[in-house]
Amino acid sequence: MTTALRAMTQLSSWPDLAEAPPSCGTGRALRSAGAEIAHFHSDHSVDLHLTARAIRRFQDELKNSTAVRLDPDSDWVTIHLDCDSDIDLLLTLASVALQVHQEQPDPDGAKSGCCNGR
């Protein structure tokens, strides 16, 4: 089982997430009631809809992680999944993403644009 599949299996068991078609049309996605949260594009990569606000809040920590790639024009971060600690990082950041989306729901679902896997 790949790291991405293990991560998706864990996240899809969360009650606030459900599998859905990705808006970008590639791979598999998980969404909450108000927004797409994660796009799994490969066996070792996931884009997470963290939001600009959360990225700014954790920017220093995210920049220091070798598993995270930031795109300055995106509300999504890409997480490279090589090992269990990368999955743990994804789960932690997915929890943050869910909290942010629940506090400030996006009425358009995902108006912040497409994931980084464009």
PDB file of N, CA and C in Angstrom:
ATOM      1  N   MET A   1       0.856  -1.176   0.000  1.00  0.00           N
ATOM      2  CA  MET A   1       0.000   0.000   0.000  1.00  0.00           C
ATOM      3  C   MET A   1       0.907   1.247   0.000  1.00  0.00           C
ATOM      4  N   THR A   2       0.633   2.186  -0.876  1.00  0.00           N
ATOM      5  CA  THR A   2       1.448   3.402  -0.961  1.00  0.00           C
ATOM      6  C   THR A   2       1.162   4.327   0.216  1.00  0.00           C
ATOM      7  N   THR A   3       2.077   5.266   0.437  1.00  0.00           N
ATOM      8  CA  THR A   3       1.864   6.215   1.533  1.00  0.00           C
ATOM      9  C   THR A   3       0.624   7.067   1.280  1.00  0.00           C
ATOM     10  N   ALA A   4       0.395   7.458   0.035  1.00  0.00           N
ATOM     11  CA  ALA A   4      -0.791   8.273  -0.263  1.00  0.00           C
ATOM     12  C   ALA A   4      -2.075   7.488  -0.007  1.00  0.00           C
ATOM     13  N   LEU A   5      -2.086   6.227  -0.376  1.00  0.00           N
ATOM     14  CA  LEU A   5      -3.280   5.408  -0.145  1.00  0.00           C
ATOM     15  C   LEU A   5      -3.513   5.192   1.351  1.00  0.00           C
ATOM     16  N   ARG A   6      -2.430   4.974   2.103  1.00  0.00           N
ATOM     17  CA  ARG A   6      -2.579   4.845   3.558  1.00  0.00           C
ATOM     18  C   ARG A   6      -3.136   6.131   4.157  1.00  0.00           C
ATOM     19  N   ALA A   7      -2.625   7.276   3.699  1.00  0.00           N
ATOM     20  CA  ALA A   7      -3.110   8.568   4.212  1.00  0.00           C
ATOM     21  C   ALA A   7      -4.565   8.788   3.830  1.00  0.00           C
ATOM     22  N   MET A   8      -4.914   8.482   2.588  1.00  0.00           N
ATOM     23  CA  MET A   8      -6.301   8.680   2.150  1.00  0.00           C
ATOM     24  C   MET A   8      -7.241   7.774   2.939  1.00  0.00           C
ATOM     25  N   THR A   9      -6.830   6.558   3.199  1.00  0.00           N
ATOM     26  CA  THR A   9      -7.656   5.628   3.982  1.00  0.00           C
ATOM     27  C   THR A   9      -7.909   6.189   5.379  1.00  0.00           C
ATOM     28  N   GLN A  10      -6.871   6.725   5.999  1.00  0.00           N
ATOM     29  CA  GLN A  10      -7.041   7.302   7.335  1.00  0.00           C
ATOM     30  C   GLN A  10      -7.963   8.523   7.293  1.00  0.00           C
ATOM     31  N   LEU A  11      -7.709   9.429   6.340  1.00  0.00           N
ATOM     32  CA  LEU A  11      -8.521  10.653   6.266  1.00  0.00           C
ATOM     33  C   LEU A  11      -9.968  10.358   5.893  1.00  0.00           C
ATOM     34  N   SER A  12     -10.192   9.400   5.018  1.00  0.00           N
ATOM     35  CA  SER A  12     -11.570   9.116   4.595  1.00  0.00           C
ATOM     36  C   SER A  12     -12.396   8.493   5.722  1.00  0.00           C
ATOM     37  N   SER A  13     -11.731   8.042   6.794  1.00  0.00           N
ATOM     38  CA  SER A  13     -12.480   7.516   7.938  1.00  0.00           C
ATOM     39  C   SER A  13     -12.961   8.633   8.864  1.00  0.00           C
ATOM     40  N   TRP A  14     -12.471   9.856   8.653  1.00  0.00           N
ATOM     41  CA  TRP A  14     -12.905  10.982   9.475  1.00  0.00           C
ATOM     42  C   TRP A  14     -14.355  11.318   9.124  1.00  0.00           C
ATOM     43  N   PRO A  15     -15.194  11.578  10.129  1.00  0.00           N
ATOM     44  CA  PRO A  15     -16.617  11.833   9.856  1.00  0.00           C
ATOM     45  C   PRO A  15     -16.883  13.106   9.048  1.00  0.00           C
ATOM     46  N   ASP A  16     -15.975  14.071   9.065  1.00  0.00           N
ATOM     47  CA  ASP A  16     -16.199  15.327   8.346  1.00  0.00           C
ATOM     48  C   ASP A  16     -15.679  15.304   6.914  1.00  0.00           C
ATOM     49  N   LEU A  17     -15.125  14.172   6.477  1.00  0.00           N
ATOM     50  CA  LEU A  17     -14.573  14.091   5.126  1.00  0.00           C
ATOM     51  C   LEU A  17     -15.231  12.963   4.340  1.00  0.00           C
ATOM     52  N   ALA A  18     -15.420  13.216   3.049  1.00  0.00           N
ATOM     53  CA  ALA A  18     -15.986  12.200   2.162  1.00  0.00           C
ATOM     54  C   ALA A  18     -15.270  12.271   0.814  1.00  0.00           C
ATOM     55  N   GLU A  19     -15.137  11.125   0.172  1.00  0.00           N
ATOM     56  CA  GLU A  19     -14.507  11.104  -1.144  1.00  0.00           C
ATOM     57  C   GLU A  19     -15.438  11.758  -2.162  1.00  0.00           C
ATOM     58  N   ALA A  20     -14.832  12.514  -3.073  1.00  0.00           N
ATOM     59  CA  ALA A  20     -15.584  13.223  -4.106  1.00  0.00           C
ATOM     60  C   ALA A  20     -14.688  13.370  -5.327  1.00  0.00           C
ATOM     61  N   PRO A  21     -15.292  13.640  -6.487  1.00  0.00           N
ATOM     62  CA  PRO A  21     -14.451  13.882  -7.659  1.00  0.00           C
ATOM     63  C   PRO A  21     -13.665  15.180  -7.472  1.00  0.00           C
ATOM     64  N   PRO A  22     -12.373  15.189  -7.808  1.00  0.00           N
ATOM     65  CA  PRO A  22     -11.591  16.416  -7.656  1.00  0.00           C
ATOM     66  C   PRO A  22     -11.969  17.446  -8.711  1.00  0.00           C
ATOM     67  N   SER A  23     -12.010  18.704  -8.323  1.00  0.00           N
ATOM     68  CA  SER A  23     -12.381  19.760  -9.273  1.00  0.00           C
ATOM     69  C   SER A  23     -11.364  19.896 -10.398  1.00  0.00           C
ATOM     70  N   CYS A  24     -10.116  19.487 -10.140  1.00  0.00           N
ATOM     71  CA  CYS A  24      -9.078  19.571 -11.170  1.00  0.00           C
ATOM     72  C   CYS A  24      -9.188  18.421 -12.169  1.00  0.00           C
ATOM     73  N   GLY A  25      -9.970  17.393 -11.825  1.00  0.00           N
ATOM     74  CA  GLY A  25     -10.169  16.274 -12.729  1.00  0.00           C
ATOM     75  C   GLY A  25      -9.111  15.191 -12.665  1.00  0.00           C
ATOM     76  N   THR A  26      -8.144  15.313 -11.749  1.00  0.00           N
ATOM     77  CA  THR A  26      -7.056  14.341 -11.677  1.00  0.00           C
ATOM     78  C   THR A  26      -6.967  13.720 -10.297  1.00  0.00           C
ATOM     79  N   GLY A  27      -6.902  12.407 -10.230  1.00  0.00           N
ATOM     80  CA  GLY A  27      -6.705  11.716  -8.963  1.00  0.00           C
ATOM     81  C   GLY A  27      -7.989  11.535  -8.183  1.00  0.00           C
ATOM     82  N   ARG A  28      -7.858  11.572  -6.867  1.00  0.00           N
ATOM     83  CA  ARG A  28      -8.985  11.395  -5.953  1.00  0.00           C
ATOM     84  C   ARG A  28      -8.999  12.560  -4.982  1.00  0.00           C
ATOM     85  N   ALA A  29     -10.170  12.893  -4.473  1.00  0.00           N
ATOM     86  CA  ALA A  29     -10.292  14.036  -3.572  1.00  0.00           C
ATOM     87  C   ALA A  29     -11.124  13.674  -2.350  1.00  0.00           C
ATOM     88  N   LEU A  30     -10.857  14.436  -1.294  1.00  0.00           N
ATOM     89  CA  LEU A  30     -11.684  14.386  -0.090  1.00  0.00           C
ATOM     90  C   LEU A  30     -12.203  15.788   0.154  1.00  0.00           C
ATOM     91  N   ARG A  31     -13.468  15.873   0.536  1.00  0.00           N
ATOM     92  CA  ARG A  31     -14.050  17.184   0.806  1.00  0.00           C
ATOM     93  C   ARG A  31     -14.860  17.148   2.081  1.00  0.00           C
ATOM     94  N   SER A  32     -15.000  18.338   2.653  1.00  0.00           N
ATOM     95  CA  SER A  32     -15.880  18.516   3.803  1.00  0.00           C
ATOM     96  C   SER A  32     -17.204  19.046   3.252  1.00  0.00           C
ATOM     97  N   ALA A  33     -18.101  19.406   4.128  1.00  0.00           N
ATOM     98  CA  ALA A  33     -19.384  19.936   3.671  1.00  0.00           C
ATOM     99  C   ALA A  33     -19.212  21.241   2.907  1.00  0.00           C
ATOM    100  N   GLY A  34     -18.162  22.011   3.217  1.00  0.00           N
ATOM    101  CA  GLY A  34     -18.025  23.321   2.610  1.00  0.00           C
ATOM    102  C   GLY A  34     -16.919  23.505   1.609  1.00  0.00           C
ATOM    103  N   ALA A  35     -16.004  22.548   1.479  1.00  0.00           N
ATOM    104  CA  ALA A  35     -14.869  22.770   0.574  1.00  0.00           C
ATOM    105  C   ALA A  35     -14.116  21.479   0.291  1.00  0.00           C
ATOM    106  N   GLU A  36     -13.413  21.479  -0.831  1.00  0.00           N
ATOM    107  CA  GLU A  36     -12.472  20.401  -1.082  1.00  0.00           C
ATOM    108  C   GLU A  36     -11.305  20.586  -0.120  1.00  0.00           C
ATOM    109  N   ILE A  37     -10.839  19.496   0.454  1.00  0.00           N
ATOM    110  CA  ILE A  37      -9.772  19.563   1.453  1.00  0.00           C
ATOM    111  C   ILE A  37      -8.479  18.976   0.906  1.00  0.00           C
ATOM    112  N   ALA A  38      -8.544  17.849   0.233  1.00  0.00           N
ATOM    113  CA  ALA A  38      -7.321  17.185  -0.231  1.00  0.00           C
ATOM    114  C   ALA A  38      -7.515  16.579  -1.611  1.00  0.00           C
ATOM    115  N   HIS A  39      -6.451  16.671  -2.416  1.00  0.00           N
ATOM    116  CA  HIS A  39      -6.394  16.012  -3.721  1.00  0.00           C
ATOM    117  C   HIS A  39      -5.183  15.094  -3.727  1.00  0.00           C
ATOM    118  N   PHE A  40      -5.413  13.838  -3.971  1.00  0.00           N
ATOM    119  CA  PHE A  40      -4.345  12.850  -4.070  1.00  0.00           C
ATOM    120  C   PHE A  40      -4.050  12.633  -5.551  1.00  0.00           C
ATOM    121  N   HIS A  41      -2.877  13.090  -5.994  1.00  0.00           N
ATOM    122  CA  HIS A  41      -2.535  13.047  -7.414  1.00  0.00           C
ATOM    123  C   HIS A  41      -1.557  11.951  -7.782  1.00  0.00           C
ATOM    124  N   SER A  42      -0.846  11.396  -6.812  1.00  0.00           N
ATOM    125  CA  SER A  42       0.116  10.340  -7.106  1.00  0.00           C
ATOM    126  C   SER A  42       0.262   9.447  -5.876  1.00  0.00           C
ATOM    127  N   ASP A  43       1.130   8.464  -5.998  1.00  0.00           N
ATOM    128  CA  ASP A  43       1.358   7.541  -4.882  1.00  0.00           C
ATOM    129  C   ASP A  43       2.098   8.185  -3.721  1.00  0.00           C
ATOM    130  N   HIS A  44       2.662   9.383  -3.956  1.00  0.00           N
ATOM    131  CA  HIS A  44       3.473  10.015  -2.910  1.00  0.00           C
ATOM    132  C   HIS A  44       3.224  11.512  -2.782  1.00  0.00           C
ATOM    133  N   SER A  45       2.092  11.991  -3.258  1.00  0.00           N
ATOM    134  CA  SER A  45       1.856  13.430  -3.227  1.00  0.00           C
ATOM    135  C   SER A  45       0.382  13.740  -2.998  1.00  0.00           C
ATOM    136  N   VAL A  46       0.137  14.763  -2.177  1.00  0.00           N
ATOM    137  CA  VAL A  46      -1.222  15.220  -1.921  1.00  0.00           C
ATOM    138  C   VAL A  46      -1.211  16.745  -1.842  1.00  0.00           C
ATOM    139  N   ASP A  47      -2.218  17.354  -2.429  1.00  0.00           N
ATOM    140  CA  ASP A  47      -2.416  18.794  -2.285  1.00  0.00           C
ATOM    141  C   ASP A  47      -3.486  19.006  -1.225  1.00  0.00           C
ATOM    142  N   LEU A  48      -3.205  19.898  -0.292  1.00  0.00           N
ATOM    143  CA  LEU A  48      -4.099  20.161   0.831  1.00  0.00           C
ATOM    144  C   LEU A  48      -4.558  21.604   0.784  1.00  0.00           C
ATOM    145  N   HIS A  49      -5.865  21.816   0.839  1.00  0.00           N
ATOM    146  CA  HIS A  49      -6.465  23.152   0.790  1.00  0.00           C
ATOM    147  C   HIS A  49      -6.393  23.776   2.179  1.00  0.00           C
ATOM    148  N   LEU A  50      -5.237  24.308   2.486  1.00  0.00           N
ATOM    149  CA  LEU A  50      -4.974  24.831   3.823  1.00  0.00           C
ATOM    150  C   LEU A  50      -5.530  26.242   4.008  1.00  0.00           C
ATOM    151  N   THR A  51      -5.672  27.003   2.983  1.00  0.00           N
ATOM    152  CA  THR A  51      -6.138  28.392   2.905  1.00  0.00           C
ATOM    153  C   THR A  51      -4.987  29.366   3.145  1.00  0.00           C
ATOM    154  N   ALA A  52      -5.112  30.540   2.561  1.00  0.00           N
ATOM    155  CA  ALA A  52      -4.070  31.570   2.686  1.00  0.00           C
ATOM    156  C   ALA A  52      -3.864  31.968   4.143  1.00  0.00           C
ATOM    157  N   ARG A  53      -4.946  32.071   4.886  1.00  0.00           N
ATOM    158  CA  ARG A  53      -4.857  32.471   6.293  1.00  0.00           C
ATOM    159  C   ARG A  53      -4.041  31.467   7.108  1.00  0.00           C
ATOM    160  N   ALA A  54      -4.300  30.183   6.942  1.00  0.00           N
ATOM    161  CA  ALA A  54      -3.562  29.159   7.682  1.00  0.00           C
ATOM    162  C   ALA A  54      -2.115  29.070   7.209  1.00  0.00           C
ATOM    163  N   ILE A  55      -1.896  29.234   5.914  1.00  0.00           N
ATOM    164  CA  ILE A  55      -0.526  29.208   5.396  1.00  0.00           C
ATOM    165  C   ILE A  55       0.271  30.355   6.002  1.00  0.00           C
ATOM    166  N   ARG A  56      -0.312  31.538   6.058  1.00  0.00           N
ATOM    167  CA  ARG A  56       0.388  32.672   6.671  1.00  0.00           C
ATOM    168  C   ARG A  56       0.694  32.390   8.143  1.00  0.00           C
ATOM    169  N   ARG A  57      -0.254  31.810   8.839  1.00  0.00           N
ATOM    170  CA  ARG A  57      -0.096  31.537  10.262  1.00  0.00           C
ATOM    171  C   ARG A  57       1.054  30.552  10.532  1.00  0.00           C
ATOM    172  N   PHE A  58       1.201  29.559   9.678  1.00  0.00           N
ATOM    173  CA  PHE A  58       2.209  28.511   9.892  1.00  0.00           C
ATOM    174  C   PHE A  58       3.349  28.577   8.874  1.00  0.00           C
ATOM    175  N   GLN A  59       3.503  29.710   8.224  1.00  0.00           N
ATOM    176  CA  GLN A  59       4.442  29.838   7.114  1.00  0.00           C
ATOM    177  C   GLN A  59       5.873  29.428   7.478  1.00  0.00           C
ATOM    178  N   ASP A  60       6.388  29.884   8.585  1.00  0.00           N
ATOM    179  CA  ASP A  60       7.767  29.551   8.959  1.00  0.00           C
ATOM    180  C   ASP A  60       7.946  28.045   9.137  1.00  0.00           C
ATOM    181  N   GLU A  61       7.007  27.402   9.822  1.00  0.00           N
ATOM    182  CA  GLU A  61       7.096  25.964  10.035  1.00  0.00           C
ATOM    183  C   GLU A  61       6.954  25.211   8.717  1.00  0.00           C
ATOM    184  N   LEU A  62       6.041  25.653   7.862  1.00  0.00           N
ATOM    185  CA  LEU A  62       5.838  24.986   6.577  1.00  0.00           C
ATOM    186  C   LEU A  62       7.076  25.109   5.691  1.00  0.00           C
ATOM    187  N   LYS A  63       7.690  26.283   5.687  1.00  0.00           N
ATOM    188  CA  LYS A  63       8.895  26.487   4.870  1.00  0.00           C
ATOM    189  C   LYS A  63      10.054  25.616   5.337  1.00  0.00           C
ATOM    190  N   ASN A  64      10.097  25.300   6.623  1.00  0.00           N
ATOM    191  CA  ASN A  64      11.186  24.486   7.171  1.00  0.00           C
ATOM    192  C   ASN A  64      10.979  22.987   6.982  1.00  0.00           C
ATOM    193  N   SER A  65       9.813  22.584   6.541  1.00  0.00           N
ATOM    194  CA  SER A  65       9.541  21.163   6.341  1.00  0.00           C
ATOM    195  C   SER A  65       9.993  20.729   4.956  1.00  0.00           C
ATOM    196  N   THR A  66      10.761  19.666   4.905  1.00  0.00           N
ATOM    197  CA  THR A  66      11.210  19.146   3.609  1.00  0.00           C
ATOM    198  C   THR A  66      10.082  18.427   2.866  1.00  0.00           C
ATOM    199  N   ALA A  67       8.997  18.115   3.565  1.00  0.00           N
ATOM    200  CA  ALA A  67       7.880  17.416   2.937  1.00  0.00           C
ATOM    201  C   ALA A  67       6.863  18.360   2.306  1.00  0.00           C
ATOM    202  N   VAL A  68       6.956  19.656   2.602  1.00  0.00           N
ATOM    203  CA  VAL A  68       5.943  20.619   2.156  1.00  0.00           C
ATOM    204  C   VAL A  68       6.505  21.519   1.068  1.00  0.00           C
ATOM    205  N   ARG A  69       5.695  21.689   0.019  1.00  0.00           N
ATOM    206  CA  ARG A  69       6.030  22.653  -1.031  1.00  0.00           C
ATOM    207  C   ARG A  69       4.938  23.714  -1.051  1.00  0.00           C
ATOM    208  N   LEU A  70       5.366  24.967  -0.960  1.00  0.00           N
ATOM    209  CA  LEU A  70       4.436  26.092  -0.994  1.00  0.00           C
ATOM    210  C   LEU A  70       4.435  26.713  -2.379  1.00  0.00           C
ATOM    211  N   ASP A  71       3.267  27.078  -2.837  1.00  0.00           N
ATOM    212  CA  ASP A  71       3.118  27.833  -4.081  1.00  0.00           C
ATOM    213  C   ASP A  71       2.608  29.206  -3.661  1.00  0.00           C
ATOM    214  N   PRO A  72       3.363  30.283  -3.916  1.00  0.00           N
ATOM    215  CA  PRO A  72       2.979  31.604  -3.403  1.00  0.00           C
ATOM    216  C   PRO A  72       1.635  32.119  -3.913  1.00  0.00           C
ATOM    217  N   ASP A  73       1.133  31.563  -4.998  1.00  0.00           N
ATOM    218  CA  ASP A  73      -0.135  32.032  -5.556  1.00  0.00           C
ATOM    219  C   ASP A  73      -1.292  31.085  -5.267  1.00  0.00           C
ATOM    220  N   SER A  74      -1.132  30.235  -4.263  1.00  0.00           N
ATOM    221  CA  SER A  74      -2.137  29.204  -4.024  1.00  0.00           C
ATOM    222  C   SER A  74      -2.530  29.120  -2.554  1.00  0.00           C
ATOM    223  N   ASP A  75      -3.780  28.741  -2.323  1.00  0.00           N
ATOM    224  CA  ASP A  75      -4.283  28.449  -0.979  1.00  0.00           C
ATOM    225  C   ASP A  75      -4.055  26.985  -0.625  1.00  0.00           C
ATOM    226  N   TRP A  76      -3.382  26.255  -1.492  1.00  0.00           N
ATOM    227  CA  TRP A  76      -3.098  24.836  -1.320  1.00  0.00           C
ATOM    228  C   TRP A  76      -1.606  24.650  -1.069  1.00  0.00           C
ATOM    229  N   VAL A  77      -1.263  23.626  -0.300  1.00  0.00           N
ATOM    230  CA  VAL A  77       0.132  23.219  -0.130  1.00  0.00           C
ATOM    231  C   VAL A  77       0.255  21.788  -0.650  1.00  0.00           C
ATOM    232  N   THR A  78       1.420  21.455  -1.161  1.00  0.00           N
ATOM    233  CA  THR A  78       1.686  20.094  -1.616  1.00  0.00           C
ATOM    234  C   THR A  78       2.540  19.407  -0.572  1.00  0.00           C
ATOM    235  N   ILE A  79       2.128  18.213  -0.193  1.00  0.00           N
ATOM    236  CA  ILE A  79       2.871  17.436   0.799  1.00  0.00           C
ATOM    237  C   ILE A  79       3.365  16.163   0.124  1.00  0.00           C
ATOM    238  N   HIS A  80       4.679  15.980   0.163  1.00  0.00           N
ATOM    239  CA  HIS A  80       5.292  14.782  -0.386  1.00  0.00           C
ATOM    240  C   HIS A  80       5.299  13.717   0.706  1.00  0.00           C
ATOM    241  N   LEU A  81       4.717  12.573   0.412  1.00  0.00           N
ATOM    242  CA  LEU A  81       4.539  11.513   1.403  1.00  0.00           C
ATOM    243  C   LEU A  81       5.526  10.384   1.159  1.00  0.00           C
ATOM    244  N   ASP A  82       6.573  10.336   1.974  1.00  0.00           N
ATOM    245  CA  ASP A  82       7.567   9.272   1.868  1.00  0.00           C
ATOM    246  C   ASP A  82       7.511   8.283   3.022  1.00  0.00           C
ATOM    247  N   CYS A  83       7.050   8.748   4.186  1.00  0.00           N
ATOM    248  CA  CYS A  83       7.122   7.902   5.386  1.00  0.00           C
ATOM    249  C   CYS A  83       5.959   8.233   6.327  1.00  0.00           C
ATOM    250  N   ASP A  84       5.891   7.493   7.408  1.00  0.00           N
ATOM    251  CA  ASP A  84       4.792   7.674   8.371  1.00  0.00           C
ATOM    252  C   ASP A  84       4.761   9.079   8.970  1.00  0.00           C
ATOM    253  N   SER A  85       5.926   9.686   9.190  1.00  0.00           N
ATOM    254  CA  SER A  85       5.922  11.033   9.762  1.00  0.00           C
ATOM    255  C   SER A  85       5.341  12.050   8.774  1.00  0.00           C
ATOM    256  N   ASP A  86       5.473  11.802   7.477  1.00  0.00           N
ATOM    257  CA  ASP A  86       4.835  12.677   6.485  1.00  0.00           C
ATOM    258  C   ASP A  86       3.314  12.524   6.534  1.00  0.00           C
ATOM    259  N   ILE A  87       2.856  11.307   6.746  1.00  0.00           N
ATOM    260  CA  ILE A  87       1.414  11.084   6.903  1.00  0.00           C
ATOM    261  C   ILE A  87       0.919  11.783   8.158  1.00  0.00           C
ATOM    262  N   ASP A  88       1.673  11.689   9.238  1.00  0.00           N
ATOM    263  CA  ASP A  88       1.295  12.378  10.478  1.00  0.00           C
ATOM    264  C   ASP A  88       1.200  13.890  10.254  1.00  0.00           C
ATOM    265  N   LEU A  89       2.151  14.444   9.504  1.00  0.00           N
ATOM    266  CA  LEU A  89       2.113  15.875   9.177  1.00  0.00           C
ATOM    267  C   LEU A  89       0.856  16.201   8.378  1.00  0.00           C
ATOM    268  N   LEU A  90       0.539  15.380   7.382  1.00  0.00           N
ATOM    269  CA  LEU A  90      -0.674  15.594   6.585  1.00  0.00           C
ATOM    270  C   LEU A  90      -1.908  15.554   7.469  1.00  0.00           C
ATOM    271  N   LEU A  91      -2.005  14.580   8.358  1.00  0.00           N
ATOM    272  CA  LEU A  91      -3.179  14.478   9.227  1.00  0.00           C
ATOM    273  C   LEU A  91      -3.323  15.713  10.112  1.00  0.00           C
ATOM    274  N   THR A  92      -2.216  16.196  10.629  1.00  0.00           N
ATOM    275  CA  THR A  92      -2.245  17.397  11.462  1.00  0.00           C
ATOM    276  C   THR A  92      -2.710  18.604  10.647  1.00  0.00           C
ATOM    277  N   LEU A  93      -2.136  18.770   9.470  1.00  0.00           N
ATOM    278  CA  LEU A  93      -2.511  19.913   8.626  1.00  0.00           C
ATOM    279  C   LEU A  93      -3.932  19.782   8.089  1.00  0.00           C
ATOM    280  N   ALA A  94      -4.388  18.562   7.839  1.00  0.00           N
ATOM    281  CA  ALA A  94      -5.781  18.357   7.401  1.00  0.00           C
ATOM    282  C   ALA A  94      -6.745  18.767   8.507  1.00  0.00           C
ATOM    283  N   SER A  95      -6.381  18.500   9.748  1.00  0.00           N
ATOM    284  CA  SER A  95      -7.203  18.927  10.881  1.00  0.00           C
ATOM    285  C   SER A  95      -7.287  20.454  10.927  1.00  0.00           C
ATOM    286  N   VAL A  96      -6.156  21.107  10.703  1.00  0.00           N
ATOM    287  CA  VAL A  96      -6.139  22.576  10.657  1.00  0.00           C
ATOM    288  C   VAL A  96      -7.016  23.062   9.512  1.00  0.00           C
ATOM    289  N   ALA A  97      -6.878  22.442   8.340  1.00  0.00           N
ATOM    290  CA  ALA A  97      -7.675  22.849   7.174  1.00  0.00           C
ATOM    291  C   ALA A  97      -9.170  22.712   7.449  1.00  0.00           C
ATOM    292  N   LEU A  98      -9.571  21.605   8.040  1.00  0.00           N
ATOM    293  CA  LEU A  98     -10.990  21.425   8.379  1.00  0.00           C
ATOM    294  C   LEU A  98     -11.475  22.503   9.333  1.00  0.00           C
ATOM    295  N   GLN A  99     -10.678  22.799  10.341  1.00  0.00           N
ATOM    296  CA  GLN A  99     -11.063  23.811  11.317  1.00  0.00           C
ATOM    297  C   GLN A  99     -11.217  25.176  10.643  1.00  0.00           C
ATOM    298  N   VAL A 100     -10.274  25.539   9.808  1.00  0.00           N
ATOM    299  CA  VAL A 100     -10.336  26.838   9.118  1.00  0.00           C
ATOM    300  C   VAL A 100     -11.563  26.909   8.222  1.00  0.00           C
ATOM    301  N   HIS A 101     -11.841  25.847   7.486  1.00  0.00           N
ATOM    302  CA  HIS A 101     -12.996  25.851   6.588  1.00  0.00           C
ATOM    303  C   HIS A 101     -14.316  25.853   7.362  1.00  0.00           C
ATOM    304  N   GLN A 102     -14.342  25.259   8.539  1.00  0.00           N
ATOM    305  CA  GLN A 102     -15.561  25.270   9.347  1.00  0.00           C
ATOM    306  C   GLN A 102     -15.790  26.635   9.992  1.00  0.00           C
ATOM    307  N   GLU A 103     -14.688  27.323  10.351  1.00  0.00           N
ATOM    308  CA  GLU A 103     -14.814  28.650  10.955  1.00  0.00           C
ATOM    309  C   GLU A 103     -15.230  29.704   9.942  1.00  0.00           C
ATOM    310  N   GLN A 104     -14.708  29.593   8.747  1.00  0.00           N
ATOM    311  CA  GLN A 104     -15.024  30.553   7.686  1.00  0.00           C
ATOM    312  C   GLN A 104     -15.366  29.799   6.416  1.00  0.00           C
ATOM    313  N   PRO A 105     -16.592  29.276   6.326  1.00  0.00           N
ATOM    314  CA  PRO A 105     -16.972  28.510   5.147  1.00  0.00           C
ATOM    315  C   PRO A 105     -16.918  29.360   3.886  1.00  0.00           C
ATOM    316  N   ASP A 106     -16.553  28.722   2.816  1.00  0.00           N
ATOM    317  CA  ASP A 106     -16.500  29.350   1.501  1.00  0.00           C
ATOM    318  C   ASP A 106     -17.840  29.085   0.817  1.00  0.00           C
ATOM    319  N   PRO A 107     -18.668  30.116   0.589  1.00  0.00           N
ATOM    320  CA  PRO A 107     -19.993  29.890   0.016  1.00  0.00           C
ATOM    321  C   PRO A 107     -19.949  29.297  -1.386  1.00  0.00           C
ATOM    322  N   ASP A 108     -18.841  29.464  -2.091  1.00  0.00           N
ATOM    323  CA  ASP A 108     -18.709  28.912  -3.437  1.00  0.00           C
ATOM    324  C   ASP A 108     -18.036  27.548  -3.431  1.00  0.00           C
ATOM    325  N   GLY A 109     -17.733  26.995  -2.263  1.00  0.00           N
ATOM    326  CA  GLY A 109     -17.127  25.674  -2.179  1.00  0.00           C
ATOM    327  C   GLY A 109     -15.627  25.704  -2.253  1.00  0.00           C
ATOM    328  N   ALA A 110     -15.059  26.193  -3.343  1.00  0.00           N
ATOM    329  CA  ALA A 110     -13.595  26.223  -3.504  1.00  0.00           C
ATOM    330  C   ALA A 110     -13.192  27.391  -4.400  1.00  0.00           C
ATOM    331  N   LYS A 111     -13.666  28.572  -4.084  1.00  0.00           N
ATOM    332  CA  LYS A 111     -13.419  29.721  -4.948  1.00  0.00           C
ATOM    333  C   LYS A 111     -11.949  30.131  -4.998  1.00  0.00           C
ATOM    334  N   SER A 112     -11.132  29.551  -4.133  1.00  0.00           N
ATOM    335  CA  SER A 112      -9.725  29.920  -4.087  1.00  0.00           C
ATOM    336  C   SER A 112      -8.924  29.362  -5.255  1.00  0.00           C
ATOM    337  N   GLY A 113      -9.564  28.669  -6.157  1.00  0.00           N
ATOM    338  CA  GLY A 113      -8.863  28.169  -7.314  1.00  0.00           C
ATOM    339  C   GLY A 113      -8.512  26.716  -7.183  1.00  0.00           C
ATOM    340  N   CYS A 114      -7.843  26.263  -8.198  1.00  0.00           N
ATOM    341  CA  CYS A 114      -7.504  24.851  -8.284  1.00  0.00           C
ATOM    342  C   CYS A 114      -6.320  24.517  -7.405  1.00  0.00           C
ATOM    343  N   CYS A 115      -6.164  23.254  -7.144  1.00  0.00           N
ATOM    344  CA  CYS A 115      -5.040  22.758  -6.351  1.00  0.00           C
ATOM    345  C   CYS A 115      -3.724  22.997  -7.092  1.00  0.00           C
ATOM    346  N   ASN A 116      -2.641  22.619  -6.475  1.00  0.00           N
ATOM    347  CA  ASN A 116      -1.319  22.814  -7.085  1.00  0.00           C
ATOM    348  C   ASN A 116      -1.019  21.805  -8.184  1.00  0.00           C
ATOM    349  N   GLY A 117      -1.817  20.746  -8.283  1.00  0.00           N
ATOM    350  CA  GLY A 117      -1.598  19.721  -9.287  1.00  0.00           C
ATOM    351  C   GLY A 117      -2.111  20.081 -10.661  1.00  0.00           C
ATOM    352  N   ARG A 118      -2.628  21.250 -10.813  1.00  0.00           N
ATOM    353  CA  ARG A 118      -3.253  21.755 -12.018  1.00  0.00           C
ATOM    354  C   ARG A 118      -2.885  20.967 -13.220  1.00  0.00           C
TER     355      ARG A 118
END
